[in-house]
């Protein structure tokens, strides 16, 4: 988002781009600073607003389970996701990659410390979490339900995707434990 401006989005729209993904990762400016993102939540809202202005579909990515996060931080993220009002949202567990600032903050050893399920369902094995694994799982489910059980969003999704696409997405969510 720190590299995107209105003029770029306008050119992308003219070139046929119809879907733009943004990755605020969190609904907390404090967390954005800690993970060294070079933008604010206001900037995310501005970029998504431009996308809507150009009638581009939007997709937002969020992570839940930063080491310093409390339930209140996660509630901020859920509220921000709802307020941002993108057509699609993805909520995943925090899964720091080697050689990233977050990996260093968490003081992890090499990659074999990670659960084999990966970042969609697994969890990083480290101490110091303020929320339990079970709480993270419950909060991710709450995030999906809070965002997707909005009639206006559901209507926009139905205008964007085919019925078959929606069926396959819902089926995947249920069998993969994404919900």
N, C-alpha and C. Protein backbone atom coordinates (compact mmCIF):
# COMPACT_ATOMS: atom_id res chain seq x y z
N UNK A 1 0.80 -1.18 0.00
CA UNK A 1 0.00 0.00 0.00
C UNK A 1 0.85 1.26 0.00
N UNK A 2 2.05 1.11 0.48
CA UNK A 2 2.95 2.26 0.49
C UNK A 2 3.45 2.59 -0.92
N UNK A 3 3.26 1.70 -1.86
CA UNK A 3 3.73 1.92 -3.24
C UNK A 3 2.60 2.22 -4.22
N UNK A 4 1.36 2.16 -3.75
CA UNK A 4 0.20 2.31 -4.64
C UNK A 4 -0.35 3.72 -4.51
N UNK A 5 -0.69 4.30 -5.67
CA UNK A 5 -1.40 5.57 -5.64
C UNK A 5 -2.62 5.48 -6.57
N UNK A 6 -3.43 6.51 -6.52
CA UNK A 6 -4.68 6.53 -7.28
C UNK A 6 -4.42 6.38 -8.78
N UNK A 7 -3.38 7.04 -9.27
CA UNK A 7 -3.08 7.01 -10.70
C UNK A 7 -2.70 5.59 -11.15
N UNK A 8 -1.93 4.88 -10.33
CA UNK A 8 -1.56 3.51 -10.67
C UNK A 8 -2.80 2.63 -10.74
N UNK A 9 -3.69 2.76 -9.76
CA UNK A 9 -4.91 1.95 -9.77
C UNK A 9 -5.77 2.26 -10.98
N UNK A 10 -5.81 3.52 -11.38
CA UNK A 10 -6.58 3.90 -12.56
C UNK A 10 -6.01 3.23 -13.81
N UNK A 11 -4.69 3.22 -13.93
CA UNK A 11 -4.04 2.56 -15.07
C UNK A 11 -4.28 1.05 -15.04
N UNK A 12 -4.22 0.46 -13.85
CA UNK A 12 -4.48 -0.98 -13.73
C UNK A 12 -5.91 -1.30 -14.17
N UNK A 13 -6.85 -0.47 -13.76
CA UNK A 13 -8.25 -0.68 -14.16
C UNK A 13 -8.37 -0.60 -15.68
N UNK A 14 -7.73 0.39 -16.28
CA UNK A 14 -7.77 0.54 -17.74
C UNK A 14 -7.14 -0.66 -18.43
N UNK A 15 -6.18 -1.30 -17.78
CA UNK A 15 -5.50 -2.47 -18.36
C UNK A 15 -6.31 -3.76 -18.15
N UNK A 16 -7.43 -3.67 -17.42
CA UNK A 16 -8.28 -4.84 -17.24
C UNK A 16 -8.20 -5.50 -15.88
N UNK A 17 -7.43 -4.96 -14.96
CA UNK A 17 -7.36 -5.54 -13.61
C UNK A 17 -8.70 -5.34 -12.92
N UNK A 18 -9.24 -6.41 -12.35
CA UNK A 18 -10.54 -6.30 -11.69
C UNK A 18 -10.47 -6.68 -10.21
N UNK A 19 -9.37 -7.31 -9.77
CA UNK A 19 -9.22 -7.75 -8.38
C UNK A 19 -7.90 -7.22 -7.83
N UNK A 20 -7.98 -6.54 -6.70
CA UNK A 20 -6.79 -6.02 -6.04
C UNK A 20 -6.76 -6.55 -4.61
N UNK A 21 -5.63 -7.13 -4.24
CA UNK A 21 -5.46 -7.63 -2.88
C UNK A 21 -4.62 -6.65 -2.08
N UNK A 22 -5.03 -6.45 -0.83
CA UNK A 22 -4.27 -5.62 0.10
C UNK A 22 -3.96 -6.49 1.32
N UNK A 23 -2.85 -6.21 1.96
CA UNK A 23 -2.44 -7.03 3.11
C UNK A 23 -2.14 -6.15 4.32
N UNK A 24 -3.19 -5.64 4.96
CA UNK A 24 -2.93 -4.86 6.16
C UNK A 24 -2.41 -5.73 7.30
N UNK A 25 -2.72 -7.01 7.28
CA UNK A 25 -2.29 -8.01 8.27
C UNK A 25 -2.94 -7.84 9.63
N UNK A 26 -3.32 -6.62 10.01
CA UNK A 26 -3.82 -6.34 11.35
C UNK A 26 -4.75 -5.14 11.32
N UNK A 27 -5.48 -4.95 12.39
CA UNK A 27 -6.31 -3.77 12.54
C UNK A 27 -5.73 -2.83 13.59
N UNK A 28 -4.44 -2.96 13.84
CA UNK A 28 -3.77 -2.17 14.88
C UNK A 28 -2.56 -1.45 14.30
N UNK A 29 -2.56 -0.11 14.38
CA UNK A 29 -1.39 0.64 13.91
C UNK A 29 -0.15 0.28 14.71
N UNK A 30 -0.34 -0.04 15.99
CA UNK A 30 0.79 -0.46 16.84
C UNK A 30 1.45 -1.72 16.27
N UNK A 31 0.65 -2.68 15.88
CA UNK A 31 1.20 -3.91 15.30
C UNK A 31 1.84 -3.63 13.94
N UNK A 32 1.23 -2.76 13.14
CA UNK A 32 1.85 -2.40 11.86
C UNK A 32 3.27 -1.89 12.07
N UNK A 33 3.46 -1.07 13.08
CA UNK A 33 4.80 -0.55 13.38
C UNK A 33 5.74 -1.67 13.81
N UNK A 34 5.25 -2.56 14.66
CA UNK A 34 6.10 -3.66 15.15
C UNK A 34 6.55 -4.59 14.03
N UNK A 35 5.68 -4.81 13.05
CA UNK A 35 6.05 -5.72 11.96
C UNK A 35 6.66 -4.96 10.78
N UNK A 36 6.92 -3.69 11.01
CA UNK A 36 7.65 -2.84 10.07
C UNK A 36 6.95 -2.63 8.73
N UNK A 37 5.63 -2.53 8.79
CA UNK A 37 4.88 -2.13 7.59
C UNK A 37 5.07 -0.63 7.44
N UNK A 38 5.16 -0.16 6.24
CA UNK A 38 5.43 1.25 6.01
C UNK A 38 4.17 2.00 5.59
N UNK A 39 3.06 1.70 6.26
CA UNK A 39 1.81 2.40 6.01
C UNK A 39 0.95 2.32 7.27
N UNK A 40 -0.15 3.07 7.26
CA UNK A 40 -1.08 3.09 8.38
C UNK A 40 -2.41 2.48 7.95
N UNK A 41 -3.29 2.27 8.92
CA UNK A 41 -4.62 1.77 8.60
C UNK A 41 -5.40 2.79 7.76
N UNK A 42 -5.16 4.06 8.00
CA UNK A 42 -5.82 5.08 7.18
C UNK A 42 -5.41 4.95 5.71
N UNK A 43 -4.16 4.62 5.48
CA UNK A 43 -3.67 4.43 4.10
C UNK A 43 -4.37 3.23 3.46
N UNK A 44 -4.55 2.16 4.23
CA UNK A 44 -5.25 0.98 3.70
C UNK A 44 -6.66 1.38 3.28
N UNK A 45 -7.36 2.13 4.14
CA UNK A 45 -8.71 2.58 3.81
C UNK A 45 -8.72 3.43 2.53
N UNK A 46 -7.72 4.27 2.39
CA UNK A 46 -7.62 5.13 1.22
C UNK A 46 -7.46 4.30 -0.06
N UNK A 47 -6.56 3.32 -0.03
CA UNK A 47 -6.32 2.47 -1.21
C UNK A 47 -7.57 1.67 -1.55
N UNK A 48 -8.22 1.09 -0.56
CA UNK A 48 -9.44 0.33 -0.81
C UNK A 48 -10.53 1.26 -1.36
N UNK A 49 -10.60 2.48 -0.85
CA UNK A 49 -11.56 3.46 -1.36
C UNK A 49 -11.34 3.75 -2.84
N UNK A 50 -10.08 3.91 -3.23
CA UNK A 50 -9.77 4.13 -4.65
C UNK A 50 -10.21 2.93 -5.49
N UNK A 51 -9.94 1.74 -4.97
CA UNK A 51 -10.35 0.52 -5.70
C UNK A 51 -11.86 0.52 -5.92
N UNK A 52 -12.61 0.87 -4.89
CA UNK A 52 -14.07 0.92 -5.02
C UNK A 52 -14.48 1.98 -6.02
N UNK A 53 -13.78 3.11 -6.00
CA UNK A 53 -14.06 4.19 -6.94
C UNK A 53 -13.92 3.71 -8.39
N UNK A 54 -12.94 2.82 -8.63
CA UNK A 54 -12.71 2.29 -9.97
C UNK A 54 -13.45 0.97 -10.20
N UNK A 55 -14.36 0.63 -9.29
CA UNK A 55 -15.17 -0.59 -9.41
C UNK A 55 -14.30 -1.84 -9.51
N UNK A 56 -13.26 -1.89 -8.68
CA UNK A 56 -12.38 -3.06 -8.62
C UNK A 56 -12.76 -3.88 -7.38
N UNK A 57 -12.79 -5.17 -7.52
CA UNK A 57 -13.07 -6.06 -6.41
C UNK A 57 -11.83 -6.09 -5.50
N UNK A 58 -12.07 -6.14 -4.18
CA UNK A 58 -10.95 -6.10 -3.25
C UNK A 58 -10.92 -7.32 -2.33
N UNK A 59 -9.71 -7.68 -1.95
CA UNK A 59 -9.44 -8.85 -1.11
C UNK A 59 -8.43 -8.42 -0.06
N UNK A 60 -8.73 -8.63 1.22
CA UNK A 60 -7.82 -8.21 2.29
C UNK A 60 -7.31 -9.43 3.06
N UNK A 61 -6.03 -9.39 3.42
CA UNK A 61 -5.39 -10.48 4.15
C UNK A 61 -5.02 -10.00 5.56
N UNK A 62 -5.39 -10.82 6.54
CA UNK A 62 -5.09 -10.51 7.94
C UNK A 62 -4.46 -11.72 8.61
N UNK A 63 -3.62 -11.45 9.61
CA UNK A 63 -3.00 -12.52 10.40
C UNK A 63 -3.40 -12.35 11.86
N UNK A 64 -3.60 -13.46 12.52
CA UNK A 64 -4.01 -13.45 13.93
C UNK A 64 -3.04 -14.31 14.72
N UNK A 65 -2.58 -13.76 15.85
CA UNK A 65 -1.69 -14.52 16.73
C UNK A 65 -0.29 -13.96 16.83
N UNK A 66 -0.13 -12.65 16.63
CA UNK A 66 1.19 -12.06 16.87
C UNK A 66 1.52 -12.26 18.35
N UNK A 67 2.79 -12.43 18.69
CA UNK A 67 3.15 -12.77 20.07
C UNK A 67 2.63 -11.78 21.12
N UNK A 68 2.50 -10.53 20.79
CA UNK A 68 2.08 -9.50 21.73
C UNK A 68 0.57 -9.27 21.72
N UNK A 69 -0.14 -9.94 20.80
CA UNK A 69 -1.57 -9.70 20.67
C UNK A 69 -2.36 -10.26 21.84
N UNK A 70 -3.36 -9.49 22.24
CA UNK A 70 -4.36 -9.93 23.21
C UNK A 70 -5.67 -10.13 22.44
N UNK A 71 -6.68 -10.63 23.11
CA UNK A 71 -7.98 -10.78 22.45
C UNK A 71 -8.48 -9.41 21.95
N UNK A 72 -8.18 -8.37 22.70
CA UNK A 72 -8.61 -7.03 22.31
C UNK A 72 -7.96 -6.60 20.99
N UNK A 73 -6.68 -6.95 20.81
CA UNK A 73 -6.02 -6.64 19.53
C UNK A 73 -6.72 -7.37 18.38
N UNK A 74 -7.04 -8.62 18.60
CA UNK A 74 -7.70 -9.40 17.54
C UNK A 74 -9.09 -8.82 17.25
N UNK A 75 -9.79 -8.39 18.29
CA UNK A 75 -11.10 -7.76 18.09
C UNK A 75 -10.94 -6.49 17.25
N UNK A 76 -9.85 -5.74 17.45
CA UNK A 76 -9.57 -4.56 16.62
C UNK A 76 -9.41 -4.97 15.16
N UNK A 77 -8.70 -6.06 14.93
CA UNK A 77 -8.49 -6.55 13.56
C UNK A 77 -9.82 -6.94 12.93
N UNK A 78 -10.66 -7.64 13.66
CA UNK A 78 -11.97 -8.04 13.13
C UNK A 78 -12.81 -6.81 12.82
N UNK A 79 -12.82 -5.85 13.72
CA UNK A 79 -13.58 -4.61 13.49
C UNK A 79 -13.06 -3.87 12.27
N UNK A 80 -11.74 -3.81 12.13
CA UNK A 80 -11.15 -3.12 10.98
C UNK A 80 -11.51 -3.84 9.69
N UNK A 81 -11.47 -5.16 9.69
CA UNK A 81 -11.82 -5.93 8.49
C UNK A 81 -13.26 -5.64 8.07
N UNK A 82 -14.15 -5.58 9.05
CA UNK A 82 -15.56 -5.27 8.75
C UNK A 82 -15.69 -3.85 8.21
N UNK A 83 -15.00 -2.91 8.84
CA UNK A 83 -15.05 -1.51 8.43
C UNK A 83 -14.45 -1.31 7.04
N UNK A 84 -13.38 -2.03 6.75
CA UNK A 84 -12.70 -1.91 5.46
C UNK A 84 -13.64 -2.31 4.32
N UNK A 85 -14.50 -3.29 4.60
CA UNK A 85 -15.57 -3.66 3.68
C UNK A 85 -15.08 -4.11 2.31
N UNK A 86 -14.00 -4.90 2.28
CA UNK A 86 -13.58 -5.51 1.02
C UNK A 86 -14.55 -6.65 0.69
N UNK A 87 -14.57 -7.06 -0.56
CA UNK A 87 -15.46 -8.17 -0.91
C UNK A 87 -15.00 -9.46 -0.24
N UNK A 88 -13.70 -9.68 -0.20
CA UNK A 88 -13.16 -10.92 0.35
C UNK A 88 -12.15 -10.62 1.44
N UNK A 89 -12.07 -11.51 2.41
CA UNK A 89 -11.08 -11.40 3.50
C UNK A 89 -10.52 -12.79 3.78
N UNK A 90 -9.27 -12.82 4.13
CA UNK A 90 -8.63 -14.06 4.56
C UNK A 90 -8.01 -13.81 5.93
N UNK A 91 -8.26 -14.70 6.85
CA UNK A 91 -7.68 -14.63 8.18
C UNK A 91 -6.85 -15.89 8.40
N UNK A 92 -5.57 -15.73 8.69
CA UNK A 92 -4.71 -16.88 8.94
C UNK A 92 -3.94 -16.65 10.23
N UNK A 93 -3.39 -17.73 10.74
CA UNK A 93 -2.52 -17.64 11.91
C UNK A 93 -1.21 -16.98 11.50
N UNK A 94 -0.60 -16.31 12.45
CA UNK A 94 0.72 -15.75 12.21
C UNK A 94 1.68 -16.90 11.96
N UNK A 95 2.45 -16.78 10.91
CA UNK A 95 3.40 -17.82 10.53
C UNK A 95 4.65 -17.12 10.02
N UNK A 96 5.56 -16.76 10.90
CA UNK A 96 6.74 -16.01 10.46
C UNK A 96 7.69 -16.85 9.63
N UNK A 97 8.17 -16.26 8.57
CA UNK A 97 9.14 -16.93 7.72
C UNK A 97 10.55 -16.61 8.18
N UNK A 98 11.47 -17.55 7.95
CA UNK A 98 12.86 -17.32 8.32
C UNK A 98 13.39 -16.05 7.66
N UNK A 99 14.31 -15.41 8.34
CA UNK A 99 14.96 -14.20 7.85
C UNK A 99 14.02 -13.00 7.72
N UNK A 100 12.94 -13.00 8.48
CA UNK A 100 12.06 -11.83 8.52
C UNK A 100 12.16 -11.21 9.91
N UNK A 101 11.83 -9.92 10.03
CA UNK A 101 11.87 -9.29 11.36
C UNK A 101 11.00 -10.00 12.38
N UNK A 102 9.83 -10.48 11.97
CA UNK A 102 8.94 -11.16 12.91
C UNK A 102 9.58 -12.46 13.42
N UNK A 103 10.22 -13.17 12.54
CA UNK A 103 10.91 -14.41 12.93
C UNK A 103 11.95 -14.11 14.01
N UNK A 104 12.67 -13.01 13.80
CA UNK A 104 13.69 -12.61 14.78
C UNK A 104 13.07 -12.15 16.08
N UNK A 105 11.97 -11.39 16.01
CA UNK A 105 11.27 -10.94 17.22
C UNK A 105 10.84 -12.13 18.05
N UNK A 106 10.38 -13.18 17.38
CA UNK A 106 9.88 -14.35 18.09
C UNK A 106 11.01 -15.27 18.55
N UNK A 107 12.24 -14.95 18.12
CA UNK A 107 13.42 -15.70 18.54
C UNK A 107 13.25 -17.20 18.31
N UNK A 108 12.90 -17.55 17.07
CA UNK A 108 12.66 -18.95 16.73
C UNK A 108 13.93 -19.60 16.22
N UNK A 109 13.92 -20.91 16.29
CA UNK A 109 14.98 -21.70 15.68
C UNK A 109 14.56 -22.03 14.26
N UNK A 110 15.35 -22.78 13.51
CA UNK A 110 15.01 -23.08 12.11
C UNK A 110 13.61 -23.65 11.91
N UNK A 111 13.20 -23.67 10.67
CA UNK A 111 11.83 -23.95 10.23
C UNK A 111 11.21 -25.22 10.81
N UNK A 112 11.99 -26.18 11.28
CA UNK A 112 11.42 -27.42 11.78
C UNK A 112 10.58 -27.22 13.05
N UNK A 113 10.54 -26.01 13.57
CA UNK A 113 9.69 -25.73 14.72
C UNK A 113 8.23 -25.56 14.32
N UNK A 114 7.94 -25.50 13.03
CA UNK A 114 6.59 -25.23 12.60
C UNK A 114 5.78 -26.51 12.47
N UNK A 115 4.51 -26.38 12.77
CA UNK A 115 3.57 -27.48 12.63
C UNK A 115 3.48 -27.84 11.15
N UNK A 116 3.36 -29.11 10.84
CA UNK A 116 3.35 -29.54 9.44
C UNK A 116 2.11 -29.07 8.68
N UNK A 117 1.09 -28.60 9.38
CA UNK A 117 -0.12 -28.13 8.69
C UNK A 117 0.08 -26.80 7.98
N UNK A 118 1.13 -26.08 8.30
CA UNK A 118 1.40 -24.82 7.62
C UNK A 118 0.62 -23.65 8.18
N UNK A 119 0.67 -22.54 7.45
CA UNK A 119 0.11 -21.31 7.99
C UNK A 119 -1.40 -21.23 7.94
N UNK A 120 -2.07 -22.10 7.21
CA UNK A 120 -3.52 -22.05 7.20
C UNK A 120 -4.13 -22.61 8.48
N UNK A 121 -3.57 -23.71 8.98
CA UNK A 121 -4.19 -24.37 10.12
C UNK A 121 -3.22 -24.64 11.26
N UNK A 122 -1.95 -24.70 10.96
CA UNK A 122 -0.97 -25.03 11.98
C UNK A 122 -0.64 -23.85 12.84
N UNK A 123 0.24 -24.05 13.75
CA UNK A 123 0.65 -22.97 14.62
C UNK A 123 2.14 -23.06 14.88
N UNK A 124 2.75 -21.94 15.12
CA UNK A 124 4.17 -21.90 15.42
C UNK A 124 4.35 -22.34 16.86
N UNK A 125 5.37 -23.12 17.11
CA UNK A 125 5.62 -23.59 18.47
C UNK A 125 6.62 -22.66 19.15
N UNK A 126 6.11 -21.74 19.95
CA UNK A 126 6.96 -20.84 20.70
C UNK A 126 6.24 -20.40 21.97
N UNK A 127 7.00 -19.96 22.92
CA UNK A 127 6.44 -19.51 24.19
C UNK A 127 6.20 -18.00 24.15
N UNK A 128 5.41 -17.53 25.07
CA UNK A 128 5.21 -16.10 25.19
C UNK A 128 3.92 -15.59 24.58
N UNK A 129 3.10 -16.48 24.06
CA UNK A 129 1.82 -16.04 23.48
C UNK A 129 0.91 -15.50 24.57
N UNK A 130 0.16 -14.47 24.24
CA UNK A 130 -0.81 -13.91 25.17
C UNK A 130 -2.19 -14.55 24.98
N UNK A 131 -2.35 -15.29 23.87
CA UNK A 131 -3.61 -15.99 23.59
C UNK A 131 -3.27 -17.45 23.32
N UNK A 132 -4.12 -18.34 23.76
CA UNK A 132 -3.86 -19.77 23.55
C UNK A 132 -4.17 -20.17 22.11
N UNK A 133 -3.67 -21.34 21.71
CA UNK A 133 -3.95 -21.85 20.37
C UNK A 133 -5.46 -22.00 20.14
N UNK A 134 -6.16 -22.48 21.16
CA UNK A 134 -7.61 -22.67 21.05
C UNK A 134 -8.31 -21.32 20.88
N UNK A 135 -7.84 -20.31 21.60
CA UNK A 135 -8.43 -18.98 21.47
C UNK A 135 -8.19 -18.40 20.07
N UNK A 136 -6.99 -18.62 19.54
CA UNK A 136 -6.68 -18.15 18.19
C UNK A 136 -7.63 -18.80 17.19
N UNK A 137 -7.81 -20.11 17.31
CA UNK A 137 -8.71 -20.82 16.40
C UNK A 137 -10.13 -20.26 16.49
N UNK A 138 -10.60 -20.04 17.70
CA UNK A 138 -11.94 -19.49 17.90
C UNK A 138 -12.07 -18.07 17.34
N UNK A 139 -11.02 -17.27 17.53
CA UNK A 139 -11.05 -15.90 17.03
C UNK A 139 -11.01 -15.85 15.50
N UNK A 140 -10.28 -16.77 14.88
CA UNK A 140 -10.27 -16.83 13.41
C UNK A 140 -11.67 -17.19 12.90
N UNK A 141 -12.31 -18.16 13.53
CA UNK A 141 -13.68 -18.51 13.14
C UNK A 141 -14.61 -17.33 13.32
N UNK A 142 -14.47 -16.64 14.45
CA UNK A 142 -15.30 -15.45 14.71
C UNK A 142 -15.07 -14.40 13.63
N UNK A 143 -13.82 -14.21 13.22
CA UNK A 143 -13.50 -13.22 12.19
C UNK A 143 -14.21 -13.55 10.89
N UNK A 144 -14.11 -14.81 10.45
CA UNK A 144 -14.77 -15.20 9.20
C UNK A 144 -16.29 -15.00 9.30
N UNK A 145 -16.87 -15.43 10.40
CA UNK A 145 -18.32 -15.31 10.57
C UNK A 145 -18.73 -13.84 10.60
N UNK A 146 -18.00 -13.02 11.35
CA UNK A 146 -18.32 -11.59 11.47
C UNK A 146 -18.28 -10.89 10.12
N UNK A 147 -17.31 -11.26 9.31
CA UNK A 147 -17.14 -10.59 8.02
C UNK A 147 -18.10 -11.13 6.96
N UNK A 148 -18.22 -12.45 6.87
CA UNK A 148 -18.97 -13.02 5.76
C UNK A 148 -20.47 -13.15 5.99
N UNK A 149 -20.94 -13.02 7.23
CA UNK A 149 -22.38 -13.08 7.45
C UNK A 149 -22.98 -11.68 7.43
N UNK A 150 -22.55 -10.91 6.48
CA UNK A 150 -23.06 -9.56 6.24
C UNK A 150 -23.82 -9.61 4.92
N UNK A 151 -25.11 -9.33 4.94
CA UNK A 151 -25.91 -9.45 3.70
C UNK A 151 -25.39 -8.62 2.53
N UNK A 152 -24.91 -7.40 2.80
CA UNK A 152 -24.40 -6.57 1.70
C UNK A 152 -23.17 -7.20 1.06
N UNK A 153 -22.28 -7.73 1.89
CA UNK A 153 -21.07 -8.37 1.36
C UNK A 153 -21.46 -9.63 0.58
N UNK A 154 -22.38 -10.40 1.13
CA UNK A 154 -22.81 -11.62 0.44
C UNK A 154 -23.38 -11.30 -0.93
N UNK A 155 -24.14 -10.23 -1.01
CA UNK A 155 -24.72 -9.82 -2.29
C UNK A 155 -23.61 -9.45 -3.28
N UNK A 156 -22.62 -8.68 -2.82
CA UNK A 156 -21.51 -8.29 -3.72
C UNK A 156 -20.72 -9.51 -4.18
N UNK A 157 -20.54 -10.48 -3.28
CA UNK A 157 -19.83 -11.71 -3.66
C UNK A 157 -20.62 -12.47 -4.72
N UNK A 158 -21.95 -12.54 -4.54
CA UNK A 158 -22.78 -13.25 -5.52
C UNK A 158 -22.76 -12.56 -6.88
N UNK A 159 -22.56 -11.24 -6.90
CA UNK A 159 -22.45 -10.52 -8.17
C UNK A 159 -21.09 -10.77 -8.82
N UNK A 160 -20.09 -11.10 -8.00
CA UNK A 160 -18.72 -11.26 -8.50
C UNK A 160 -18.43 -12.69 -8.95
N UNK A 161 -18.90 -13.66 -8.18
CA UNK A 161 -18.59 -15.07 -8.45
C UNK A 161 -19.82 -15.83 -8.93
N UNK A 162 -19.57 -16.94 -9.60
CA UNK A 162 -20.68 -17.80 -10.02
C UNK A 162 -21.15 -18.62 -8.82
N UNK A 163 -22.34 -19.16 -8.93
CA UNK A 163 -22.89 -20.00 -7.87
C UNK A 163 -21.97 -21.21 -7.64
N UNK A 164 -21.44 -21.77 -8.70
CA UNK A 164 -20.54 -22.92 -8.58
C UNK A 164 -19.25 -22.53 -7.83
N UNK A 165 -18.70 -21.35 -8.13
CA UNK A 165 -17.52 -20.88 -7.41
C UNK A 165 -17.81 -20.75 -5.91
N UNK A 166 -18.95 -20.17 -5.58
CA UNK A 166 -19.33 -19.99 -4.17
C UNK A 166 -19.50 -21.34 -3.49
N UNK A 167 -20.11 -22.29 -4.18
CA UNK A 167 -20.27 -23.64 -3.64
C UNK A 167 -18.90 -24.26 -3.31
N UNK A 168 -17.97 -24.20 -4.27
CA UNK A 168 -16.65 -24.79 -4.05
C UNK A 168 -15.88 -24.09 -2.93
N UNK A 169 -16.00 -22.78 -2.85
CA UNK A 169 -15.34 -22.06 -1.76
C UNK A 169 -15.91 -22.46 -0.40
N UNK A 170 -17.23 -22.55 -0.30
CA UNK A 170 -17.86 -22.95 0.96
C UNK A 170 -17.48 -24.39 1.31
N UNK A 171 -17.49 -25.27 0.32
CA UNK A 171 -17.12 -26.66 0.57
C UNK A 171 -15.67 -26.76 1.05
N UNK A 172 -14.78 -26.01 0.41
CA UNK A 172 -13.37 -26.02 0.83
C UNK A 172 -13.23 -25.51 2.27
N UNK A 173 -13.94 -24.45 2.59
CA UNK A 173 -13.86 -23.88 3.94
C UNK A 173 -14.27 -24.90 4.99
N UNK A 174 -15.28 -25.69 4.67
CA UNK A 174 -15.77 -26.67 5.66
C UNK A 174 -14.84 -27.87 5.80
N UNK A 175 -14.33 -28.39 4.69
CA UNK A 175 -13.48 -29.58 4.79
C UNK A 175 -12.06 -29.25 5.22
N UNK A 176 -11.64 -28.01 5.04
CA UNK A 176 -10.27 -27.65 5.40
C UNK A 176 -10.16 -27.04 6.79
N UNK A 177 -11.27 -26.95 7.49
CA UNK A 177 -11.31 -26.34 8.82
C UNK A 177 -10.97 -24.86 8.78
N UNK A 178 -11.19 -24.21 7.64
CA UNK A 178 -10.96 -22.77 7.55
C UNK A 178 -12.03 -21.99 8.29
N UNK A 179 -13.12 -22.64 8.58
CA UNK A 179 -14.20 -21.95 9.30
C UNK A 179 -14.42 -22.60 10.64
